[in-house]
Every structure is written in structure tokens, then in C-alpha cells.
């Protein structure tokens, strides 16, 4: 039993893209103290915020590999195979405008960083439901080649960017820092830091490689393909894959509005059937899917195929192990993997870990959350399980234990 979250956990050893609305990310502003503004705004949509009442699938996504299931389901015609009409997914360049558009009813299907629905449902009473995981793993920590950083213990006195305060990236990074004797802090850039303090700042994922190349930051933690981009284009070096710290961790999740799934159960099931099928396809055809998603393919992601392919397939245990980016080759994970089952054990861990994670602004709402309750209330297991029973090939993904596919013990090891 983990003292951090009360769940079963094993702790091991110690392109140019700009903001769509040309402003700071709203949720980051809220996390810094403006919760009343969007908080009350979100609350106003509790009973009405859903996409048009027709049966068209309307998808919003960020240009990261976390959105693969949504994009593959559209590109391969899996929605059509279920008798559904799906608009081409809409690319949004920030978490804030994606959340706003989802809440306003522009989209009825999105992917969100898993801690965001926790914030939406329990801090703002917005009826979001997690329907499935979008993927496992798929993120990493990249540092500048001239920073001298070889391990997390070298991050004292450094500036590291995270994509969002309420993100798996912030949780995993701070876990690794604490285990390495480094204290995460949030201060204005330029303020003095103690030798054992690492300063964190929020930065939009597309801006991270450029920020690293310009030496505005010493490193960043983010979803692919921006780690691959940092390696190829910004002189970055992979410090550690996040999946090598938390084995097969979730990151983005597939979300819908609770009112939609209640009123349109048959439609919801068809959507989930298509998404589970897409994850199975992506798991078995990563190189093909990378080309499909890239600007050299169908153009869902505005980056060239070699960058996307590296982000989805290159996980050389020899090269990365020698560089220190992989400590657990025996885990046999991929750089990114795809399985949809939302394990309750992971949700419980996340709720507990969020209480241990430094964020900007008031996060007292987290203290009131019971991990067991959240795992049952936030996640809908019915539709994804039905889809997985219809498409049992999901068990072949390397992140799944075929002998007990619907249960697992969370493993963290630095």
C-alpha cells in the first residue's frame, strides 16, 4: 500500500506554432489565482455544454502523439464503419482553448491530460467523464547538451519547463526530483535558486524545443513528438523516458460530457468501438501510423514523418541505456504504447500524487478528494469494456498483462 496515494503501488530504487488565441494559457492563469473567472464560467455549462444534438463526431485535439487514437479512428474510417459521421478533427494549439471549446460544446470528444478532468470535475463541478486511456508512456525529459545534466540530481539550479501544472508530466518530474534530493519550486525566471532547487515554468509544448535551443530553459518534460524534435532539431538529449519511471503510465485520456453519454448511449458505444479499434491498429502499426499522421501523410500533425516515426518507434535500449535514459529495459515497454483500459489503480495514484505536486495557485480542493471515490466517479468503464470485449486484440499490446488484463499493480522506480 502506497503512503502517497493509498493504492497498490510498487516503488523501486532510489512548424512554428503559436497560441491559437495569442494569449497565455487560461488554465495556467487560473492555476496562478484566477480560478473564479473560468471556474464559474465552466460551471455555467454543467447542464448544457455538449456538442450539437446531432450524431456527428466532433473532435478537438492538440498536435501530439497522445491524440493518435482519435486521429487514426478518423483517418482509417473506423467511425464510418460504425455508421457514424465524423468531421475532420480540429487542431488546437493549447490545453486552455481545447478545454474552453469542449466546455462550450464545440467538441463532443477530446483528449485531455489526465489531471485536467480531475480539476474540471471536482474544482469546477464540470461533468466531464474519462472514457478510456488514449495511450501509455509517450513522454520524456529532454535537457540541453551543454547543461552538464546527466541525472535528476544535476537539475539543482536549473530551469525546467512543463506543459501544464495539472499534468502527468509535472507529477512524474517532481517525483523524480524529490527522489533525487532536489526541491521543485515555482519562481519568476531570474530569481535566485538554491543549489538543491529546480525552478519550474509552464511552456506550451511547441515552444519547448525552440526555448531549449535558445537556452531560455535548461530542459523540459513533454509528450511526443516534441522530445524527438528536441533531439533532432534543438541539440537536446533525452535524460529519461517517463515510462521508464512509471511503468506504462497514462498521460492523455479520452473524454466526453456526462450528459452526452447518458442521453446517447448507443452513439457513445459506437464511438468507443472505433477508438478501441484505433488503439489496436496503432499499437500494431506504429511506423505506418507515424507516416499517416505526419505532414507527409494526412497532415494531422504538422511535423515531418521522420520526427513522428522516431517519436513512436525509436526506443533503443542499448543507445538510450548507455546514455542513462533507460534504466529498466526489463520492463519491455515502447516509446509510446496504446491500450485503452483506464486502470483504477492509476487513477488512485494520480489523485494522491497531485497532493504531493507543487502547482501554481490554490489546489486545496485536492485535499478533499478520496482516491477510491474519484476512480469510481470520474471514469466510465462500461463503454470501453464493451468495446474491448468486441475487439480483444488490445490484449496483445506490450503494456498489457494477458494473464490479468483488467488489473495491474502500479510500478514506480527511479
Foldseek 3Di string as FASTA:
>chain_A
DDPLFPFFEAEADLVPDDAPVNDPQPVQVVLQPVCVVVLVVLLVLQPPQAADPDLEAEEEEEQFCLCQLVQLLVVVVLLVVLVHHYDHYDYHQAQRVVVVCNSNHRGFKYKDWVQVLVCCCQVRVHQKAFEWFSWFFQKFKKFAPPLPDQALLQQFFFEEEEAALRFVQLLLSCVSLVSNQADEDADDPPDGTDRRYHYYDHDRLVCQLVCRLVVVGGIYMDGPLSRLCNVPPRNIDTNAGSCLFKPRATTMTMMGGPVCCVVCVSSVLSVLLSSQVSQLVCQVPVLVSLCCCEPVHVPVRDHHSVSSSCSFAPDDCVVCVVSNHHDCVVSVAGNMHGAIADALSNQSSSLSSSVVGDGNHDPVSSVPDRSVVCSVRRYDRPSNVVSCVVVVSSCVRSSADVVCRRHDRIYGYD
